[in-house]
Amino acid sequence: MSKARWLLIDLAKGLADKPVHEVAPKDVLAVLRPVEAKGNHETARRLRSTIGRVLRFAVANGWAERDATTDLRGALTAPMSGIVPQS
């Protein structure tokens, strides 16, 4: 199973029953917050990106008016880079 498929099927299942043209930023955030609450900040950001790709595809095909993820930039905690500055 591809990573994008895993993100959408396992993590974004809260959006599965919602028509794509009805997906709002609050709906996407409701899917992202539990992932973020577990400390999976990078996964939450990748999930937002993957949902955004789906929504942009829907916009391009006339199934939705807009990508609801664009309003969520800066709403998630940034993942730690793992680089520790030297003293």
N, C-alpha and C. Protein backbone atom coordinates (compact mmCIF):
# COMPACT_ATOMS: atom_id res chain seq x y z
N MET A 1 0.85 -1.17 0.00
CA MET A 1 0.00 0.00 0.00
C MET A 1 0.90 1.24 0.00
N SER A 2 0.58 2.20 -0.86
CA SER A 2 1.40 3.41 -0.92
C SER A 2 1.15 4.28 0.31
N LYS A 3 2.11 5.13 0.58
CA LYS A 3 1.98 6.01 1.75
C LYS A 3 0.77 6.94 1.61
N ALA A 4 0.54 7.48 0.42
CA ALA A 4 -0.61 8.36 0.21
C ALA A 4 -1.92 7.62 0.47
N ARG A 5 -2.00 6.39 0.00
CA ARG A 5 -3.21 5.59 0.23
C ARG A 5 -3.39 5.33 1.72
N TRP A 6 -2.31 5.00 2.43
CA TRP A 6 -2.38 4.77 3.87
C TRP A 6 -2.86 6.03 4.59
N LEU A 7 -2.30 7.17 4.21
CA LEU A 7 -2.72 8.43 4.84
C LEU A 7 -4.21 8.67 4.65
N LEU A 8 -4.68 8.47 3.43
CA LEU A 8 -6.08 8.76 3.13
C LEU A 8 -7.04 7.72 3.70
N ILE A 9 -6.69 6.45 3.62
CA ILE A 9 -7.60 5.40 4.07
C ILE A 9 -7.60 5.29 5.59
N ASP A 10 -6.43 5.24 6.19
CA ASP A 10 -6.36 5.01 7.63
C ASP A 10 -6.52 6.27 8.46
N LEU A 11 -5.92 7.37 8.03
CA LEU A 11 -5.91 8.56 8.86
C LEU A 11 -7.01 9.56 8.53
N ALA A 12 -7.43 9.61 7.29
CA ALA A 12 -8.43 10.60 6.88
C ALA A 12 -9.82 10.00 6.71
N LYS A 13 -10.06 8.86 7.35
CA LYS A 13 -11.35 8.20 7.16
C LYS A 13 -12.52 9.06 7.65
N GLY A 14 -12.25 10.05 8.50
CA GLY A 14 -13.30 10.96 8.95
C GLY A 14 -13.87 11.81 7.82
N LEU A 15 -13.16 11.90 6.73
CA LEU A 15 -13.63 12.68 5.57
C LEU A 15 -14.26 11.80 4.49
N ALA A 16 -14.17 10.49 4.64
CA ALA A 16 -14.57 9.57 3.58
C ALA A 16 -16.04 9.68 3.18
N ASP A 17 -16.92 9.94 4.12
CA ASP A 17 -18.35 9.98 3.81
C ASP A 17 -18.84 11.37 3.42
N LYS A 18 -17.96 12.34 3.45
CA LYS A 18 -18.35 13.73 3.16
C LYS A 18 -18.13 14.00 1.66
N PRO A 19 -19.12 14.56 0.98
CA PRO A 19 -18.91 14.95 -0.42
C PRO A 19 -17.76 15.95 -0.52
N VAL A 20 -16.92 15.78 -1.51
CA VAL A 20 -15.70 16.59 -1.63
C VAL A 20 -16.02 18.08 -1.69
N HIS A 21 -17.13 18.46 -2.28
CA HIS A 21 -17.46 19.88 -2.37
C HIS A 21 -17.93 20.47 -1.04
N GLU A 22 -18.16 19.62 -0.03
CA GLU A 22 -18.57 20.09 1.29
C GLU A 22 -17.45 20.11 2.32
N VAL A 23 -16.27 19.67 1.94
CA VAL A 23 -15.15 19.62 2.89
C VAL A 23 -14.70 21.03 3.22
N ALA A 24 -14.73 21.36 4.51
CA ALA A 24 -14.35 22.68 5.00
C ALA A 24 -13.06 22.56 5.83
N PRO A 25 -12.38 23.68 6.05
CA PRO A 25 -11.16 23.62 6.85
C PRO A 25 -11.36 22.96 8.22
N LYS A 26 -12.49 23.20 8.87
CA LYS A 26 -12.74 22.60 10.19
C LYS A 26 -12.84 21.08 10.10
N ASP A 27 -13.31 20.56 8.97
CA ASP A 27 -13.39 19.11 8.78
C ASP A 27 -11.99 18.51 8.65
N VAL A 28 -11.16 19.17 7.90
CA VAL A 28 -9.77 18.70 7.73
C VAL A 28 -9.03 18.79 9.06
N LEU A 29 -9.22 19.88 9.77
CA LEU A 29 -8.54 20.05 11.05
C LEU A 29 -8.99 18.99 12.05
N ALA A 30 -10.25 18.59 12.01
CA ALA A 30 -10.76 17.54 12.90
C ALA A 30 -10.07 16.21 12.64
N VAL A 31 -9.60 15.99 11.43
CA VAL A 31 -8.86 14.77 11.09
C VAL A 31 -7.39 14.92 11.50
N LEU A 32 -6.84 16.12 11.37
CA LEU A 32 -5.42 16.34 11.63
C LEU A 32 -5.08 16.42 13.12
N ARG A 33 -5.96 17.00 13.92
CA ARG A 33 -5.65 17.22 15.34
C ARG A 33 -5.35 15.94 16.12
N PRO A 34 -6.11 14.85 15.94
CA PRO A 34 -5.76 13.63 16.68
C PRO A 34 -4.38 13.08 16.31
N VAL A 35 -4.01 13.20 15.05
CA VAL A 35 -2.68 12.75 14.61
C VAL A 35 -1.62 13.61 15.28
N GLU A 36 -1.85 14.90 15.27
CA GLU A 36 -0.91 15.84 15.89
C GLU A 36 -0.83 15.62 17.40
N ALA A 37 -1.96 15.33 18.04
CA ALA A 37 -1.99 15.14 19.50
C ALA A 37 -1.15 13.95 19.94
N LYS A 38 -0.96 12.99 19.05
CA LYS A 38 -0.11 11.83 19.35
C LYS A 38 1.37 12.15 19.19
N GLY A 39 1.67 13.38 18.80
CA GLY A 39 3.06 13.77 18.60
C GLY A 39 3.57 13.50 17.19
N ASN A 40 2.69 13.10 16.31
CA ASN A 40 3.08 12.79 14.93
C ASN A 40 2.93 14.03 14.06
N HIS A 41 3.76 15.02 14.33
CA HIS A 41 3.65 16.31 13.65
C HIS A 41 3.95 16.21 12.16
N GLU A 42 4.97 15.47 11.80
CA GLU A 42 5.31 15.32 10.38
C GLU A 42 4.21 14.57 9.64
N THR A 43 3.65 13.55 10.27
CA THR A 43 2.55 12.80 9.65
C THR A 43 1.34 13.70 9.45
N ALA A 44 1.04 14.54 10.43
CA ALA A 44 -0.09 15.46 10.30
C ALA A 44 0.13 16.42 9.14
N ARG A 45 1.35 16.92 8.98
CA ARG A 45 1.64 17.83 7.87
C ARG A 45 1.55 17.11 6.53
N ARG A 46 2.04 15.88 6.48
CA ARG A 46 1.95 15.11 5.23
C ARG A 46 0.50 14.77 4.90
N LEU A 47 -0.29 14.50 5.93
CA LEU A 47 -1.70 14.22 5.72
C LEU A 47 -2.42 15.45 5.19
N ARG A 48 -2.10 16.63 5.74
CA ARG A 48 -2.70 17.87 5.23
C ARG A 48 -2.32 18.07 3.77
N SER A 49 -1.08 17.79 3.43
CA SER A 49 -0.62 17.93 2.06
C SER A 49 -1.34 16.95 1.13
N THR A 50 -1.50 15.72 1.57
CA THR A 50 -2.15 14.71 0.74
C THR A 50 -3.63 15.04 0.55
N ILE A 51 -4.30 15.47 1.61
CA ILE A 51 -5.70 15.88 1.49
C ILE A 51 -5.79 17.07 0.53
N GLY A 52 -4.85 17.99 0.62
CA GLY A 52 -4.82 19.13 -0.29
C GLY A 52 -4.68 18.71 -1.74
N ARG A 53 -3.86 17.69 -2.00
CA ARG A 53 -3.71 17.19 -3.37
C ARG A 53 -5.03 16.65 -3.89
N VAL A 54 -5.75 15.93 -3.05
CA VAL A 54 -7.06 15.39 -3.45
C VAL A 54 -8.03 16.53 -3.73
N LEU A 55 -8.04 17.53 -2.85
CA LEU A 55 -8.97 18.65 -3.03
C LEU A 55 -8.62 19.48 -4.26
N ARG A 56 -7.33 19.67 -4.54
CA ARG A 56 -6.95 20.39 -5.75
C ARG A 56 -7.34 19.62 -7.00
N PHE A 57 -7.25 18.30 -6.95
CA PHE A 57 -7.70 17.46 -8.05
C PHE A 57 -9.21 17.64 -8.26
N ALA A 58 -9.94 17.69 -7.16
CA ALA A 58 -11.39 17.89 -7.24
C ALA A 58 -11.72 19.26 -7.84
N VAL A 59 -10.98 20.28 -7.46
CA VAL A 59 -11.19 21.62 -8.02
C VAL A 59 -10.91 21.60 -9.52
N ALA A 60 -9.82 20.99 -9.91
CA ALA A 60 -9.44 20.94 -11.33
C ALA A 60 -10.48 20.22 -12.18
N ASN A 61 -11.22 19.30 -11.57
CA ASN A 61 -12.22 18.54 -12.30
C ASN A 61 -13.64 19.07 -12.10
N GLY A 62 -13.76 20.18 -11.40
CA GLY A 62 -15.07 20.80 -11.21
C GLY A 62 -15.95 20.16 -10.15
N TRP A 63 -15.36 19.34 -9.29
CA TRP A 63 -16.14 18.67 -8.25
C TRP A 63 -16.18 19.47 -6.96
N ALA A 64 -15.30 20.45 -6.82
CA ALA A 64 -15.24 21.30 -5.62
C ALA A 64 -14.86 22.70 -6.06
N GLU A 65 -15.19 23.66 -5.23
CA GLU A 65 -14.89 25.06 -5.54
C GLU A 65 -13.49 25.48 -5.08
N ARG A 66 -13.00 24.84 -3.99
CA ARG A 66 -11.71 25.28 -3.44
C ARG A 66 -11.04 24.18 -2.63
N ASP A 67 -9.76 24.40 -2.38
CA ASP A 67 -8.95 23.51 -1.54
C ASP A 67 -9.02 24.05 -0.11
N ALA A 68 -9.71 23.34 0.76
CA ALA A 68 -9.92 23.79 2.14
C ALA A 68 -8.64 23.76 2.97
N THR A 69 -7.60 23.08 2.51
CA THR A 69 -6.37 23.00 3.31
C THR A 69 -5.55 24.27 3.26
N THR A 70 -5.79 25.13 2.27
CA THR A 70 -4.98 26.35 2.18
C THR A 70 -5.19 27.26 3.39
N ASP A 71 -6.36 27.20 3.99
CA ASP A 71 -6.64 28.02 5.17
C ASP A 71 -5.97 27.47 6.43
N LEU A 72 -5.38 26.32 6.34
CA LEU A 72 -4.77 25.69 7.52
C LEU A 72 -3.27 25.86 7.59
N ARG A 73 -2.69 26.61 6.69
CA ARG A 73 -1.24 26.84 6.76
C ARG A 73 -0.92 27.55 8.07
N GLY A 74 0.02 26.98 8.79
CA GLY A 74 0.42 27.54 10.08
C GLY A 74 -0.43 27.06 11.24
N ALA A 75 -1.46 26.26 10.98
CA ALA A 75 -2.34 25.78 12.05
C ALA A 75 -1.77 24.58 12.79
N LEU A 76 -0.82 23.89 12.18
CA LEU A 76 -0.25 22.70 12.80
C LEU A 76 1.11 23.01 13.41
N THR A 77 1.46 22.23 14.43
CA THR A 77 2.76 22.37 15.06
C THR A 77 3.83 21.89 14.09
N ALA A 78 4.87 22.68 13.94
CA ALA A 78 5.97 22.32 13.04
C ALA A 78 6.75 21.15 13.64
N PRO A 79 7.09 20.16 12.82
CA PRO A 79 7.89 19.04 13.34
C PRO A 79 9.30 19.49 13.69
N MET A 80 9.88 18.83 14.67
CA MET A 80 11.26 19.13 15.06
C MET A 80 12.18 18.59 13.97
N SER A 81 13.23 19.33 13.67
CA SER A 81 14.13 18.92 12.59
C SER A 81 15.10 17.83 13.03
N GLY A 82 15.27 17.65 14.32
CA GLY A 82 16.22 16.64 14.79
C GLY A 82 17.63 17.15 14.86
N ILE A 83 17.83 18.39 14.45
CA ILE A 83 19.16 19.00 14.49
C ILE A 83 19.27 19.82 15.77
N VAL A 84 20.28 19.51 16.54
CA VAL A 84 20.50 20.22 17.80
C VAL A 84 21.65 21.19 17.59
N PRO A 85 21.40 22.49 17.87
CA PRO A 85 22.47 23.47 17.67
C PRO A 85 23.66 23.21 18.61
N GLN A 86 24.85 23.42 18.12
CA GLN A 86 26.06 23.26 18.92
C GLN A 86 26.26 24.47 19.81
N SER A 87 26.73 24.26 21.02
CA SER A 87 26.99 25.39 21.95
C SER A 87 28.37 25.94 21.73
